[in-house]
Amino acid sequence: RQLSLDDYMDVNAATALRNAIKAAEIAERDA
C-alpha cells in the first residue's frame, strides 16, 4: 500500500492545525 505522512499523524490534530494555518493566512491577507 502507498504510504504517506498522514498515516503516522493524528489526523484530527493535523487537520485542525492545517485549518488554523489557512485561517491565519486568510486573516493576514485581509489585514
PDB file of all heavy atoms in Angstrom:
ATOM      1  N   ARG A   1       0.842  -1.206   0.000  1.00  0.00           N
ATOM      2  CA  ARG A   1       0.000   0.000   0.000  1.00  0.00           C
ATOM      3  C   ARG A   1       0.875   1.254   0.000  1.00  0.00           C
ATOM      4  O   ARG A   1       1.896   1.314   0.671  1.00  0.00           O
ATOM      5  CB  ARG A   1      -0.901   0.004   1.247  1.00  0.00           C
ATOM      6  CG  ARG A   1      -1.916   1.147   1.278  1.00  0.00           C
ATOM      7  CD  ARG A   1      -2.858   0.980   2.463  1.00  0.00           C
ATOM      8  NE  ARG A   1      -2.154   1.096   3.723  1.00  0.00           N
ATOM      9  CZ  ARG A   1      -1.946   2.265   4.347  1.00  0.00           C
ATOM     10  NH1 ARG A   1      -2.361   3.390   3.793  1.00  0.00           N
ATOM     11  NH2 ARG A   1      -1.309   2.296   5.504  1.00  0.00           N
ATOM     12  N   GLN A   2       0.461   2.256  -0.792  1.00  0.00           N
ATOM     13  CA  GLN A   2       1.185   3.512  -0.824  1.00  0.00           C
ATOM     14  C   GLN A   2       1.013   4.256   0.500  1.00  0.00           C
ATOM     15  O   GLN A   2      -0.108   4.460   0.965  1.00  0.00           O
ATOM     16  CB  GLN A   2       0.686   4.384  -1.989  1.00  0.00           C
ATOM     17  CG  GLN A   2       0.936   3.790  -3.357  1.00  0.00           C
ATOM     18  CD  GLN A   2       2.414   3.663  -3.671  1.00  0.00           C
ATOM     19  OE1 GLN A   2       3.206   4.523  -3.305  1.00  0.00           O
ATOM     20  NE2 GLN A   2       2.796   2.576  -4.333  1.00  0.00           N
ATOM     21  N   LEU A   3       2.114   4.657   1.093  1.00  0.00           N
ATOM     22  CA  LEU A   3       2.095   5.304   2.402  1.00  0.00           C
ATOM     23  C   LEU A   3       2.313   6.804   2.264  1.00  0.00           C
ATOM     24  O   LEU A   3       2.870   7.291   1.283  1.00  0.00           O
ATOM     25  CB  LEU A   3       3.191   4.708   3.292  1.00  0.00           C
ATOM     26  CG  LEU A   3       3.102   3.191   3.536  1.00  0.00           C
ATOM     27  CD1 LEU A   3       4.331   2.717   4.292  1.00  0.00           C
ATOM     28  CD2 LEU A   3       1.838   2.847   4.309  1.00  0.00           C
ATOM     29  N   SER A   4       1.867   7.548   3.278  1.00  0.00           N
ATOM     30  CA  SER A   4       2.064   8.992   3.322  1.00  0.00           C
ATOM     31  C   SER A   4       2.253   9.420   4.771  1.00  0.00           C
ATOM     32  O   SER A   4       2.076   8.621   5.701  1.00  0.00           O
ATOM     33  CB  SER A   4       0.865   9.735   2.702  1.00  0.00           C
ATOM     34  OG  SER A   4      -0.305   9.503   3.478  1.00  0.00           O
ATOM     35  N   LEU A   5       2.616  10.683   4.973  1.00  0.00           N
ATOM     36  CA  LEU A   5       2.827  11.196   6.332  1.00  0.00           C
ATOM     37  C   LEU A   5       1.560  11.122   7.164  1.00  0.00           C
ATOM     38  O   LEU A   5       1.613  10.886   8.381  1.00  0.00           O
ATOM     39  CB  LEU A   5       3.323  12.653   6.267  1.00  0.00           C
ATOM     40  CG  LEU A   5       4.795  12.861   5.924  1.00  0.00           C
ATOM     41  CD1 LEU A   5       5.090  14.349   5.829  1.00  0.00           C
ATOM     42  CD2 LEU A   5       5.699  12.213   6.959  1.00  0.00           C
ATOM     43  N   ASP A   6       0.414  11.319   6.524  1.00  0.00           N
ATOM     44  CA  ASP A   6      -0.848  11.335   7.275  1.00  0.00           C
ATOM     45  C   ASP A   6      -1.123   9.994   7.947  1.00  0.00           C
ATOM     46  O   ASP A   6      -1.872   9.937   8.931  1.00  0.00           O
ATOM     47  CB  ASP A   6      -2.014  11.690   6.342  1.00  0.00           C
ATOM     48  CG  ASP A   6      -1.949  13.144   5.901  1.00  0.00           C
ATOM     49  OD1 ASP A   6      -1.297  13.937   6.600  1.00  0.00           O
ATOM     50  OD2 ASP A   6      -2.536  13.478   4.859  1.00  0.00           O
ATOM     51  N   ASP A   7      -0.500   8.908   7.425  1.00  0.00           N
ATOM     52  CA  ASP A   7      -0.718   7.598   8.040  1.00  0.00           C
ATOM     53  C   ASP A   7      -0.082   7.497   9.423  1.00  0.00           C
ATOM     54  O   ASP A   7      -0.419   6.600  10.193  1.00  0.00           O
ATOM     55  CB  ASP A   7      -0.164   6.493   7.134  1.00  0.00           C
ATOM     56  CG  ASP A   7      -0.926   6.400   5.815  1.00  0.00           C
ATOM     57  OD1 ASP A   7      -2.148   6.622   5.830  1.00  0.00           O
ATOM     58  OD2 ASP A   7      -0.297   6.117   4.787  1.00  0.00           O
ATOM     59  N   TYR A   8       0.859   8.394   9.732  1.00  0.00           N
ATOM     60  CA  TYR A   8       1.566   8.335  11.010  1.00  0.00           C
ATOM     61  C   TYR A   8       1.370   9.613  11.827  1.00  0.00           C
ATOM     62  O   TYR A   8       2.170   9.939  12.689  1.00  0.00           O
ATOM     63  CB  TYR A   8       3.061   8.097  10.753  1.00  0.00           C
ATOM     64  CG  TYR A   8       3.318   6.789  10.061  1.00  0.00           C
ATOM     65  CD1 TYR A   8       3.387   6.727   8.665  1.00  0.00           C
ATOM     66  CD2 TYR A   8       3.443   5.612  10.769  1.00  0.00           C
ATOM     67  CE1 TYR A   8       3.598   5.521   8.014  1.00  0.00           C
ATOM     68  CE2 TYR A   8       3.662   4.399  10.123  1.00  0.00           C
ATOM     69  CZ  TYR A   8       3.731   4.367   8.752  1.00  0.00           C
ATOM     70  OH  TYR A   8       3.933   3.165   8.110  1.00  0.00           O
ATOM     71  N   MET A   9       0.293  10.343  11.543  1.00  0.00           N
ATOM     72  CA  MET A   9      -0.026  11.571  12.279  1.00  0.00           C
ATOM     73  C   MET A   9      -1.439  11.469  12.842  1.00  0.00           C
ATOM     74  O   MET A   9      -2.280  10.719  12.324  1.00  0.00           O
ATOM     75  CB  MET A   9       0.091  12.794  11.345  1.00  0.00           C
ATOM     76  CG  MET A   9       1.501  13.052  10.833  1.00  0.00           C
ATOM     77  SD  MET A   9       1.564  14.334   9.560  1.00  0.00           S
ATOM     78  CE  MET A   9       0.903  15.739  10.456  1.00  0.00           C
ATOM     79  N   ASP A  10      -1.675  12.251  13.919  1.00  0.00           N
ATOM     80  CA  ASP A  10      -3.027  12.392  14.456  1.00  0.00           C
ATOM     81  C   ASP A  10      -3.843  13.187  13.441  1.00  0.00           C
ATOM     82  O   ASP A  10      -3.622  14.388  13.260  1.00  0.00           O
ATOM     83  CB  ASP A  10      -2.977  13.104  15.813  1.00  0.00           C
ATOM     84  CG  ASP A  10      -4.342  13.136  16.488  1.00  0.00           C
ATOM     85  OD1 ASP A  10      -5.365  12.972  15.786  1.00  0.00           O
ATOM     86  OD2 ASP A  10      -4.396  13.341  17.712  1.00  0.00           O
ATOM     87  N   VAL A  11      -4.751  12.506  12.778  1.00  0.00           N
ATOM     88  CA  VAL A  11      -5.475  13.141  11.663  1.00  0.00           C
ATOM     89  C   VAL A  11      -6.252  14.362  12.142  1.00  0.00           C
ATOM     90  O   VAL A  11      -6.221  15.424  11.499  1.00  0.00           O
ATOM     91  CB  VAL A  11      -6.428  12.123  11.005  1.00  0.00           C
ATOM     92  CG1 VAL A  11      -7.223  12.787   9.885  1.00  0.00           C
ATOM     93  CG2 VAL A  11      -5.646  10.941  10.465  1.00  0.00           C
ATOM     94  N   ASN A  12      -6.931  14.252  13.289  1.00  0.00           N
ATOM     95  CA  ASN A  12      -7.735  15.379  13.785  1.00  0.00           C
ATOM     96  C   ASN A  12      -6.850  16.567  14.133  1.00  0.00           C
ATOM     97  O   ASN A  12      -7.158  17.708  13.774  1.00  0.00           O
ATOM     98  CB  ASN A  12      -8.549  14.942  15.005  1.00  0.00           C
ATOM     99  CG  ASN A  12      -9.592  13.887  14.647  1.00  0.00           C
ATOM    100  OD1 ASN A  12     -10.108  13.872  13.529  1.00  0.00           O
ATOM    101  ND2 ASN A  12      -9.893  13.000  15.580  1.00  0.00           N
ATOM    102  N   ALA A  13      -5.729  16.289  14.841  1.00  0.00           N
ATOM    103  CA  ALA A  13      -4.826  17.387  15.226  1.00  0.00           C
ATOM    104  C   ALA A  13      -4.196  18.018  13.987  1.00  0.00           C
ATOM    105  O   ALA A  13      -4.095  19.252  13.891  1.00  0.00           O
ATOM    106  CB  ALA A  13      -3.752  16.862  16.169  1.00  0.00           C
ATOM    107  N   ALA A  14      -3.774  17.187  13.033  1.00  0.00           N
ATOM    108  CA  ALA A  14      -3.160  17.727  11.821  1.00  0.00           C
ATOM    109  C   ALA A  14      -4.168  18.544  11.022  1.00  0.00           C
ATOM    110  O   ALA A  14      -3.834  19.622  10.495  1.00  0.00           O
ATOM    111  CB  ALA A  14      -2.612  16.588  10.967  1.00  0.00           C
ATOM    112  N   THR A  15      -5.404  18.076  10.943  1.00  0.00           N
ATOM    113  CA  THR A  15      -6.435  18.827  10.220  1.00  0.00           C
ATOM    114  C   THR A  15      -6.718  20.156  10.894  1.00  0.00           C
ATOM    115  O   THR A  15      -6.869  21.192  10.223  1.00  0.00           O
ATOM    116  CB  THR A  15      -7.731  17.990  10.131  1.00  0.00           C
ATOM    117  OG1 THR A  15      -7.446  16.745   9.473  1.00  0.00           O
ATOM    118  CG2 THR A  15      -8.800  18.730   9.357  1.00  0.00           C
ATOM    119  N   ALA A  16      -6.770  20.134  12.234  1.00  0.00           N
ATOM    120  CA  ALA A  16      -7.015  21.377  12.976  1.00  0.00           C
ATOM    121  C   ALA A  16      -5.891  22.369  12.745  1.00  0.00           C
ATOM    122  O   ALA A  16      -6.135  23.575  12.553  1.00  0.00           O
ATOM    123  CB  ALA A  16      -7.172  21.068  14.463  1.00  0.00           C
ATOM    124  N   LEU A  17      -4.636  21.896  12.756  1.00  0.00           N
ATOM    125  CA  LEU A  17      -3.501  22.787  12.521  1.00  0.00           C
ATOM    126  C   LEU A  17      -3.515  23.349  11.107  1.00  0.00           C
ATOM    127  O   LEU A  17      -3.260  24.559  10.910  1.00  0.00           O
ATOM    128  CB  LEU A  17      -2.193  22.040  12.769  1.00  0.00           C
ATOM    129  CG  LEU A  17      -1.846  21.729  14.229  1.00  0.00           C
ATOM    130  CD1 LEU A  17      -0.617  20.847  14.323  1.00  0.00           C
ATOM    131  CD2 LEU A  17      -1.630  23.022  15.016  1.00  0.00           C
ATOM    132  N   ARG A  18      -3.820  22.505  10.129  1.00  0.00           N
ATOM    133  CA  ARG A  18      -3.867  22.995   8.744  1.00  0.00           C
ATOM    134  C   ARG A  18      -4.985  24.014   8.571  1.00  0.00           C
ATOM    135  O   ARG A  18      -4.809  25.030   7.866  1.00  0.00           O
ATOM    136  CB  ARG A  18      -4.068  21.821   7.792  1.00  0.00           C
ATOM    137  CG  ARG A  18      -2.863  20.882   7.714  1.00  0.00           C
ATOM    138  CD  ARG A  18      -3.003  19.895   6.578  1.00  0.00           C
ATOM    139  NE  ARG A  18      -1.857  18.981   6.512  1.00  0.00           N
ATOM    140  CZ  ARG A  18      -1.856  17.738   6.944  1.00  0.00           C
ATOM    141  NH1 ARG A  18      -2.979  17.212   7.461  1.00  0.00           N
ATOM    142  NH2 ARG A  18      -0.770  16.977   6.853  1.00  0.00           N
ATOM    143  N   ASN A  19      -6.144  23.773   9.210  1.00  0.00           N
ATOM    144  CA  ASN A  19      -7.238  24.749   9.139  1.00  0.00           C
ATOM    145  C   ASN A  19      -6.854  26.049   9.822  1.00  0.00           C
ATOM    146  O   ASN A  19      -7.189  27.142   9.329  1.00  0.00           O
ATOM    147  CB  ASN A  19      -8.499  24.167   9.786  1.00  0.00           C
ATOM    148  CG  ASN A  19      -9.080  23.019   8.968  1.00  0.00           C
ATOM    149  OD1 ASN A  19      -8.857  22.934   7.755  1.00  0.00           O
ATOM    150  ND2 ASN A  19      -9.825  22.138   9.616  1.00  0.00           N
ATOM    151  N   ALA A  20      -6.145  25.936  10.967  1.00  0.00           N
ATOM    152  CA  ALA A  20      -5.709  27.147  11.674  1.00  0.00           C
ATOM    153  C   ALA A  20      -4.716  27.933  10.826  1.00  0.00           C
ATOM    154  O   ALA A  20      -4.769  29.172  10.779  1.00  0.00           O
ATOM    155  CB  ALA A  20      -5.088  26.763  13.022  1.00  0.00           C
ATOM    156  N   ILE A  21      -3.803  27.222  10.165  1.00  0.00           N
ATOM    157  CA  ILE A  21      -2.836  27.899   9.295  1.00  0.00           C
ATOM    158  C   ILE A  21      -3.547  28.595   8.151  1.00  0.00           C
ATOM    159  O   ILE A  21      -3.244  29.745   7.794  1.00  0.00           O
ATOM    160  CB  ILE A  21      -1.804  26.878   8.766  1.00  0.00           C
ATOM    161  CG1 ILE A  21      -0.923  26.376   9.911  1.00  0.00           C
ATOM    162  CG2 ILE A  21      -0.943  27.495   7.673  1.00  0.00           C
ATOM    163  CD1 ILE A  21      -0.015  25.234   9.512  1.00  0.00           C
ATOM    164  N   LYS A  22      -4.534  27.902   7.557  1.00  0.00           N
ATOM    165  CA  LYS A  22      -5.277  28.503   6.447  1.00  0.00           C
ATOM    166  C   LYS A  22      -6.050  29.735   6.905  1.00  0.00           C
ATOM    167  O   LYS A  22      -6.062  30.774   6.218  1.00  0.00           O
ATOM    168  CB  LYS A  22      -6.237  27.466   5.861  1.00  0.00           C
ATOM    169  CG  LYS A  22      -6.952  27.923   4.602  1.00  0.00           C
ATOM    170  CD  LYS A  22      -7.866  26.826   4.068  1.00  0.00           C
ATOM    171  CE  LYS A  22      -7.053  25.622   3.633  1.00  0.00           C
ATOM    172  NZ  LYS A  22      -7.919  24.577   3.015  1.00  0.00           N
ATOM    173  N   ALA A  23      -6.673  29.640   8.097  1.00  0.00           N
ATOM    174  CA  ALA A  23      -7.425  30.787   8.626  1.00  0.00           C
ATOM    175  C   ALA A  23      -6.492  31.952   8.920  1.00  0.00           C
ATOM    176  O   ALA A  23      -6.834  33.121   8.659  1.00  0.00           O
ATOM    177  CB  ALA A  23      -8.178  30.365   9.888  1.00  0.00           C
ATOM    178  N   ALA A  24      -5.298  31.642   9.485  1.00  0.00           N
ATOM    179  CA  ALA A  24      -4.340  32.710   9.784  1.00  0.00           C
ATOM    180  C   ALA A  24      -3.846  33.368   8.499  1.00  0.00           C
ATOM    181  O   ALA A  24      -3.656  34.596   8.451  1.00  0.00           O
ATOM    182  CB  ALA A  24      -3.170  32.135  10.579  1.00  0.00           C
ATOM    183  N   GLU A  25      -3.633  32.571   7.457  1.00  0.00           N
ATOM    184  CA  GLU A  25      -3.196  33.143   6.182  1.00  0.00           C
ATOM    185  C   GLU A  25      -4.275  34.044   5.587  1.00  0.00           C
ATOM    186  O   GLU A  25      -3.971  35.110   5.033  1.00  0.00           O
ATOM    187  CB  GLU A  25      -2.836  32.012   5.219  1.00  0.00           C
ATOM    188  CG  GLU A  25      -1.568  31.260   5.607  1.00  0.00           C
ATOM    189  CD  GLU A  25      -1.314  30.062   4.717  1.00  0.00           C
ATOM    190  OE1 GLU A  25      -2.255  29.691   3.961  1.00  0.00           O
ATOM    191  OE2 GLU A  25      -0.211  29.503   4.757  1.00  0.00           O
ATOM    192  N   ILE A  26      -5.531  33.599   5.707  1.00  0.00           N
ATOM    193  CA  ILE A  26      -6.636  34.442   5.210  1.00  0.00           C
ATOM    194  C   ILE A  26      -6.716  35.734   6.013  1.00  0.00           C
ATOM    195  O   ILE A  26      -6.883  36.833   5.444  1.00  0.00           O
ATOM    196  CB  ILE A  26      -7.968  33.668   5.287  1.00  0.00           C
ATOM    197  CG1 ILE A  26      -7.933  32.486   4.315  1.00  0.00           C
ATOM    198  CG2 ILE A  26      -9.149  34.586   4.982  1.00  0.00           C
ATOM    199  CD1 ILE A  26      -9.134  31.570   4.422  1.00  0.00           C
ATOM    200  N   ALA A  27      -6.579  35.608   7.354  1.00  0.00           N
ATOM    201  CA  ALA A  27      -6.625  36.796   8.203  1.00  0.00           C
ATOM    202  C   ALA A  27      -5.470  37.737   7.885  1.00  0.00           C
ATOM    203  O   ALA A  27      -5.643  38.969   7.880  1.00  0.00           O
ATOM    204  CB  ALA A  27      -6.585  36.384   9.680  1.00  0.00           C
ATOM    205  N   GLU A  28      -4.317  37.168   7.603  1.00  0.00           N
ATOM    206  CA  GLU A  28      -3.172  38.004   7.259  1.00  0.00           C
ATOM    207  C   GLU A  28      -3.407  38.749   5.947  1.00  0.00           C
ATOM    208  O   GLU A  28      -3.095  39.942   5.828  1.00  0.00           O
ATOM    209  CB  GLU A  28      -1.922  37.132   7.148  1.00  0.00           C
ATOM    210  CG  GLU A  28      -0.664  37.934   6.838  1.00  0.00           C
ATOM    211  CD  GLU A  28       0.559  37.047   6.676  1.00  0.00           C
ATOM    212  OE1 GLU A  28       0.425  35.820   6.866  1.00  0.00           O
ATOM    213  OE2 GLU A  28       1.634  37.585   6.350  1.00  0.00           O
ATOM    214  N   ARG A  29      -3.980  38.044   4.959  1.00  0.00           N
ATOM    215  CA  ARG A  29      -4.276  38.713   3.692  1.00  0.00           C
ATOM    216  C   ARG A  29      -5.304  39.823   3.885  1.00  0.00           C
ATOM    217  O   ARG A  29      -5.167  40.925   3.334  1.00  0.00           O
ATOM    218  CB  ARG A  29      -4.774  37.685   2.668  1.00  0.00           C
ATOM    219  CG  ARG A  29      -3.686  36.762   2.136  1.00  0.00           C
ATOM    220  CD  ARG A  29      -4.134  36.069   0.868  1.00  0.00           C
ATOM    221  NE  ARG A  29      -5.306  35.224   1.116  1.00  0.00           N
ATOM    222  CZ  ARG A  29      -5.243  33.948   1.453  1.00  0.00           C
ATOM    223  NH1 ARG A  29      -4.070  33.363   1.613  1.00  0.00           N
ATOM    224  NH2 ARG A  29      -6.346  33.241   1.644  1.00  0.00           N
ATOM    225  N   ASP A  30      -6.345  39.533   4.675  1.00  0.00           N
ATOM    226  CA  ASP A  30      -7.368  40.561   4.924  1.00  0.00           C
ATOM    227  C   ASP A  30      -6.769  41.750   5.658  1.00  0.00           C
ATOM    228  O   ASP A  30      -7.070  42.916   5.338  1.00  0.00           O
ATOM    229  CB  ASP A  30      -8.522  39.963   5.742  1.00  0.00           C
ATOM    230  CG  ASP A  30      -9.301  38.912   4.951  1.00  0.00           C
ATOM    231  OD1 ASP A  30      -9.167  38.907   3.693  1.00  0.00           O
ATOM    232  OD2 ASP A  30     -10.018  38.102   5.571  1.00  0.00           O
ATOM    233  N   ALA A  31      -5.922  41.451   6.668  1.00  0.00           N
ATOM    234  CA  ALA A  31      -5.308  42.534   7.433  1.00  0.00           C
ATOM    235  C   ALA A  31      -4.374  43.354   6.554  1.00  0.00           C
ATOM    236  O   ALA A  31      -4.297  44.586   6.688  1.00  0.00           O
ATOM    237  CB  ALA A  31      -4.553  41.956   8.632  1.00  0.00           C
TER     238      ALA A  31
END
